[in-house]
Amino acid sequence: MSTSKKVLAEGSHKRSSSTAENSQPQPPVKRQAQEAEPKVEPQYVYVVSVDGFDRGGNNIPDIWGIYATVKDANNTVKDIVKDKYGGTSSYDRDIDEDGLESWSSDDTGYGESVWVHTEKKLVEPAGSVPDCEWEDLEDEEDEDEDEEEEEEDEEDAQESE
């Protein structure tokens, strides 16, 4: 029995798939996907301001708050008008293309005009401003002073010649 196994093993004509020339193509090498920057949707805030104008026409701006939604900003405009200028009979109200409400009056009493309004402001994404250190600013000031001193020394040297 042992000889028959040996003969069978030596006389075997089985080939592996790689030597039989019928090998299947290798699957494509999987590459790790490049990490794309996540697309950041623009974010906005709504800044409610009251711009008062005194008799001389000087603007007296006052920011009342910054809100995440148009609804909150509009409600703030309405609250300000109701609380501070409720008795005003001559006024204009407006709603812009973003749905932001504003209110203005040329005579709120005592000869003053006022404009209560909201501005839509884009929130800059993180990293949009390069890093800056205070030391850098101080170094630049020192360099500017050194350059000025050198220029003055050169001028003094030219004058004395």
C-alpha atoms as a PDB file:
ATOM      1  CA  MET A   1       0.000   0.000   0.000  1.00  0.00           C
ATOM      2  CA  SER A   2       2.703   2.370   0.744  1.00  0.00           C
ATOM      3  CA  THR A   3       4.194   2.024  -2.738  1.00  0.00           C
ATOM      4  CA  SER A   4       0.920   2.810  -4.437  1.00  0.00           C
ATOM      5  CA  LYS A   5       0.585   6.049  -2.568  1.00  0.00           C
ATOM      6  CA  LYS A   6       4.092   6.981  -3.536  1.00  0.00           C
ATOM      7  CA  VAL A   7       3.498   6.224  -7.189  1.00  0.00           C
ATOM      8  CA  LEU A   8       0.283   8.126  -7.165  1.00  0.00           C
ATOM      9  CA  ALA A   9       1.953  11.159  -5.656  1.00  0.00           C
ATOM     10  CA  GLU A  10       4.866  11.049  -8.091  1.00  0.00           C
ATOM     11  CA  GLY A  11       2.737  10.339 -11.095  1.00  0.00           C
ATOM     12  CA  SER A  12       0.070  12.898 -10.366  1.00  0.00           C
ATOM     13  CA  HIS A  13      -0.596  15.162 -13.295  1.00  0.00           C
ATOM     14  CA  LYS A  14      -2.650  17.721 -11.442  1.00  0.00           C
ATOM     15  CA  ARG A  15      -1.490  21.271 -11.952  1.00  0.00           C
ATOM     16  CA  SER A  16      -2.146  24.276  -9.881  1.00  0.00           C
ATOM     17  CA  SER A  17      -4.215  26.976 -11.543  1.00  0.00           C
ATOM     18  CA  SER A  18      -1.165  29.237 -11.888  1.00  0.00           C
ATOM     19  CA  THR A  19       0.778  26.671 -13.902  1.00  0.00           C
ATOM     20  CA  ALA A  20      -2.191  25.564 -15.974  1.00  0.00           C
ATOM     21  CA  GLU A  21      -2.383  28.961 -17.699  1.00  0.00           C
ATOM     22  CA  ASN A  22      -6.049  29.256 -16.905  1.00  0.00           C
ATOM     23  CA  SER A  23      -5.609  31.478 -13.887  1.00  0.00           C
ATOM     24  CA  GLN A  24      -8.209  34.081 -13.184  1.00  0.00           C
ATOM     25  CA  PRO A  25      -7.156  37.722 -13.155  1.00  0.00           C
ATOM     26  CA  GLN A  26      -6.227  39.106  -9.794  1.00  0.00           C
ATOM     27  CA  PRO A  27      -8.827  41.428  -8.261  1.00  0.00           C
ATOM     28  CA  PRO A  28      -7.869  45.093  -8.561  1.00  0.00           C
ATOM     29  CA  VAL A  29      -5.875  46.451  -5.676  1.00  0.00           C
ATOM     30  CA  LYS A  30      -8.107  48.412  -3.378  1.00  0.00           C
ATOM     31  CA  ARG A  31      -6.783  51.868  -2.739  1.00  0.00           C
ATOM     32  CA  GLN A  32      -7.688  53.897   0.242  1.00  0.00           C
ATOM     33  CA  ALA A  33      -9.936  56.736  -0.822  1.00  0.00           C
ATOM     34  CA  GLN A  34      -8.381  60.162  -0.663  1.00  0.00           C
ATOM     35  CA  GLU A  35      -9.899  61.981   2.251  1.00  0.00           C
ATOM     36  CA  ALA A  36     -11.821  64.776   0.639  1.00  0.00           C
ATOM     37  CA  GLU A  37     -12.385  67.945   2.581  1.00  0.00           C
ATOM     38  CA  PRO A  38     -15.909  67.804   3.914  1.00  0.00           C
ATOM     39  CA  LYS A  39     -18.056  70.306   2.104  1.00  0.00           C
ATOM     40  CA  VAL A  40     -19.036  72.975   4.564  1.00  0.00           C
ATOM     41  CA  GLU A  41     -22.384  74.560   3.973  1.00  0.00           C
ATOM     42  CA  PRO A  42     -22.321  78.315   4.501  1.00  0.00           C
ATOM     43  CA  GLN A  43     -23.659  79.353   7.872  1.00  0.00           C
ATOM     44  CA  TYR A  44     -25.256  82.688   8.592  1.00  0.00           C
ATOM     45  CA  VAL A  45     -26.133  84.716  11.639  1.00  0.00           C
ATOM     46  CA  TYR A  46     -28.577  87.587  11.842  1.00  0.00           C
ATOM     47  CA  VAL A  47     -27.434  90.781  13.544  1.00  0.00           C
ATOM     48  CA  VAL A  48     -30.201  93.032  14.883  1.00  0.00           C
ATOM     49  CA  SER A  49     -29.230  96.703  15.128  1.00  0.00           C
ATOM     50  CA  VAL A  50     -30.902  99.948  16.046  1.00  0.00           C
ATOM     51  CA  ASP A  51     -29.477 102.923  14.189  1.00  0.00           C
ATOM     52  CA  GLY A  52     -30.600 106.145  15.790  1.00  0.00           C
ATOM     53  CA  PHE A  53     -30.022 109.532  14.190  1.00  0.00           C
ATOM     54  CA  ASP A  54     -29.928 112.635  16.348  1.00  0.00           C
ATOM     55  CA  ARG A  55     -31.047 116.114  15.233  1.00  0.00           C
ATOM     56  CA  GLY A  56     -27.622 116.743  13.683  1.00  0.00           C
ATOM     57  CA  GLY A  57     -27.924 113.610  11.531  1.00  0.00           C
ATOM     58  CA  ASN A  58     -25.240 111.763  13.466  1.00  0.00           C
ATOM     59  CA  ASN A  59     -25.656 107.986  13.396  1.00  0.00           C
ATOM     60  CA  ILE A  60     -25.801 106.271  16.767  1.00  0.00           C
ATOM     61  CA  PRO A  61     -25.622 102.517  16.005  1.00  0.00           C
ATOM     62  CA  ASP A  62     -26.423  99.912  18.629  1.00  0.00           C
ATOM     63  CA  ILE A  63     -26.242  96.142  18.125  1.00  0.00           C
ATOM     64  CA  TRP A  64     -29.023  94.444  20.080  1.00  0.00           C
ATOM     65  CA  GLY A  65     -28.174  90.821  19.412  1.00  0.00           C
ATOM     66  CA  ILE A  66     -26.959  88.098  17.089  1.00  0.00           C
ATOM     67  CA  TYR A  67     -29.374  85.290  16.243  1.00  0.00           C
ATOM     68  CA  ALA A  68     -29.193  81.915  14.515  1.00  0.00           C
ATOM     69  CA  THR A  69     -32.579  82.185  12.776  1.00  0.00           C
ATOM     70  CA  VAL A  70     -34.506  84.748  10.771  1.00  0.00           C
ATOM     71  CA  LYS A  71     -37.528  84.133  12.997  1.00  0.00           C
ATOM     72  CA  ASP A  72     -35.671  85.089  16.190  1.00  0.00           C
ATOM     73  CA  ALA A  73     -34.163  88.167  14.551  1.00  0.00           C
ATOM     74  CA  ASN A  74     -37.558  89.314  13.247  1.00  0.00           C
ATOM     75  CA  ASN A  75     -39.160  88.780  16.663  1.00  0.00           C
ATOM     76  CA  THR A  76     -36.416  90.886  18.238  1.00  0.00           C
ATOM     77  CA  VAL A  77     -37.055  93.714  15.756  1.00  0.00           C
ATOM     78  CA  LYS A  78     -40.770  93.615  16.624  1.00  0.00           C
ATOM     79  CA  ASP A  79     -40.072  93.551  20.382  1.00  0.00           C
ATOM     80  CA  ILE A  80     -37.731  96.553  20.159  1.00  0.00           C
ATOM     81  CA  VAL A  81     -40.265  98.561  18.174  1.00  0.00           C
ATOM     82  CA  LYS A  82     -43.122  97.618  20.520  1.00  0.00           C
ATOM     83  CA  ASP A  83     -41.129  98.378  23.687  1.00  0.00           C
ATOM     84  CA  LYS A  84     -39.292 101.545  22.625  1.00  0.00           C
ATOM     85  CA  TYR A  85     -41.295 103.098  19.801  1.00  0.00           C
ATOM     86  CA  GLY A  86     -44.841 101.787  20.305  1.00  0.00           C
ATOM     87  CA  GLY A  87     -46.438 105.236  20.278  1.00  0.00           C
ATOM     88  CA  THR A  88     -44.886 106.292  16.967  1.00  0.00           C
ATOM     89  CA  SER A  89     -47.548 106.949  14.353  1.00  0.00           C
ATOM     90  CA  SER A  90     -45.417 107.672  11.288  1.00  0.00           C
ATOM     91  CA  TYR A  91     -43.212 104.754  10.266  1.00  0.00           C
ATOM     92  CA  ASP A  92     -42.228 102.390   7.453  1.00  0.00           C
ATOM     93  CA  ARG A  93     -42.017  98.613   7.633  1.00  0.00           C
ATOM     94  CA  ASP A  94     -40.201  96.439   5.125  1.00  0.00           C
ATOM     95  CA  ILE A  95     -39.322  92.799   4.468  1.00  0.00           C
ATOM     96  CA  ASP A  96     -36.290  92.104   2.263  1.00  0.00           C
ATOM     97  CA  GLU A  97     -35.621  89.163  -0.089  1.00  0.00           C
ATOM     98  CA  ASP A  98     -34.232  87.075   2.799  1.00  0.00           C
ATOM     99  CA  GLY A  99     -37.408  87.592   4.845  1.00  0.00           C
ATOM    100  CA  LEU A 100     -35.734  90.019   7.248  1.00  0.00           C
ATOM    101  CA  GLU A 101     -38.047  92.636   8.705  1.00  0.00           C
ATOM    102  CA  SER A 102     -37.071  96.233   9.348  1.00  0.00           C
ATOM    103  CA  TRP A 103     -38.808  99.269  10.778  1.00  0.00           C
ATOM    104  CA  SER A 104     -37.959 102.957  10.525  1.00  0.00           C
ATOM    105  CA  SER A 105     -39.369 106.296  11.527  1.00  0.00           C
ATOM    106  CA  ASP A 106     -38.281 109.839  10.765  1.00  0.00           C
ATOM    107  CA  ASP A 107     -39.870 111.128  13.954  1.00  0.00           C
ATOM    108  CA  THR A 108     -39.800 109.017  17.101  1.00  0.00           C
ATOM    109  CA  GLY A 109     -40.121 112.110  19.231  1.00  0.00           C
ATOM    110  CA  TYR A 110     -37.586 114.700  20.286  1.00  0.00           C
ATOM    111  CA  GLY A 111     -36.518 115.142  16.653  1.00  0.00           C
ATOM    112  CA  GLU A 112     -34.865 111.748  16.384  1.00  0.00           C
ATOM    113  CA  SER A 113     -35.032 109.210  13.581  1.00  0.00           C
ATOM    114  CA  VAL A 114     -34.485 105.492  14.023  1.00  0.00           C
ATOM    115  CA  TRP A 115     -33.988 102.396  11.876  1.00  0.00           C
ATOM    116  CA  VAL A 116     -34.413  98.955  13.472  1.00  0.00           C
ATOM    117  CA  HIS A 117     -33.095  96.294  11.119  1.00  0.00           C
ATOM    118  CA  THR A 118     -31.328  92.961  10.692  1.00  0.00           C
ATOM    119  CA  GLU A 119     -28.236  92.163   8.653  1.00  0.00           C
ATOM    120  CA  LYS A 120     -27.491  88.667   7.392  1.00  0.00           C
ATOM    121  CA  LYS A 121     -23.805  87.890   7.997  1.00  0.00           C
ATOM    122  CA  LEU A 122     -21.777  84.920   6.749  1.00  0.00           C
ATOM    123  CA  VAL A 123     -19.976  82.982   9.466  1.00  0.00           C
ATOM    124  CA  GLU A 124     -16.422  82.373   8.283  1.00  0.00           C
ATOM    125  CA  PRO A 125     -15.431  78.696   8.546  1.00  0.00           C
ATOM    126  CA  ALA A 126     -12.785  77.519  10.989  1.00  0.00           C
ATOM    127  CA  GLY A 127      -9.275  78.081   9.688  1.00  0.00           C
ATOM    128  CA  SER A 128     -10.258  80.873   7.294  1.00  0.00           C
ATOM    129  CA  VAL A 129      -7.863  83.291   8.984  1.00  0.00           C
ATOM    130  CA  PRO A 130      -4.172  82.365   9.196  1.00  0.00           C
ATOM    131  CA  ASP A 131      -2.633  81.994  12.634  1.00  0.00           C
ATOM    132  CA  CYS A 132      -1.073  85.149  13.980  1.00  0.00           C
ATOM    133  CA  GLU A 133       0.898  85.612  17.158  1.00  0.00           C
ATOM    134  CA  TRP A 134       1.252  88.826  19.112  1.00  0.00           C
ATOM    135  CA  GLU A 135       5.000  88.358  19.202  1.00  0.00           C
ATOM    136  CA  ASP A 136       5.037  88.541  15.401  1.00  0.00           C
ATOM    137  CA  LEU A 137       3.355  91.915  15.511  1.00  0.00           C
ATOM    138  CA  GLU A 138       5.795  93.229  18.108  1.00  0.00           C
ATOM    139  CA  ASP A 139       8.750  91.942  16.062  1.00  0.00           C
ATOM    140  CA  GLU A 140       7.441  93.774  12.992  1.00  0.00           C
ATOM    141  CA  GLU A 141       7.096  96.996  14.999  1.00  0.00           C
ATOM    142  CA  ASP A 142      10.681  96.606  16.252  1.00  0.00           C
ATOM    143  CA  GLU A 143      11.899  96.042  12.682  1.00  0.00           C
ATOM    144  CA  ASP A 144      10.047  99.154  11.496  1.00  0.00           C
ATOM    145  CA  GLU A 145      11.612 101.209  14.300  1.00  0.00           C
ATOM    146  CA  ASP A 146      15.083  99.837  13.465  1.00  0.00           C
ATOM    147  CA  GLU A 147      14.617 100.726   9.786  1.00  0.00           C
ATOM    148  CA  GLU A 148      13.500 104.255  10.698  1.00  0.00           C
ATOM    149  CA  GLU A 149      16.547 104.707  12.951  1.00  0.00           C
ATOM    150  CA  GLU A 150      18.867 103.476  10.180  1.00  0.00           C
ATOM    151  CA  GLU A 151      17.296 105.903   7.690  1.00  0.00           C
ATOM    152  CA  GLU A 152      17.714 108.778  10.164  1.00  0.00           C
ATOM    153  CA  ASP A 153      21.367 107.812  10.744  1.00  0.00           C
ATOM    154  CA  GLU A 154      21.988 107.761   6.982  1.00  0.00           C
ATOM    155  CA  GLU A 155      20.354 111.181   6.578  1.00  0.00           C
ATOM    156  CA  ASP A 156      22.461 112.588   9.440  1.00  0.00           C
ATOM    157  CA  ALA A 157      25.622 111.159   7.865  1.00  0.00           C
ATOM    158  CA  GLN A 158      24.782 112.727   4.487  1.00  0.00           C
ATOM    159  CA  GLU A 159      24.062 116.106   6.078  1.00  0.00           C
ATOM    160  CA  SER A 160      27.363 116.149   7.963  1.00  0.00           C
ATOM    161  CA  GLU A 161      29.390 115.434   4.794  1.00  0.00           C
END
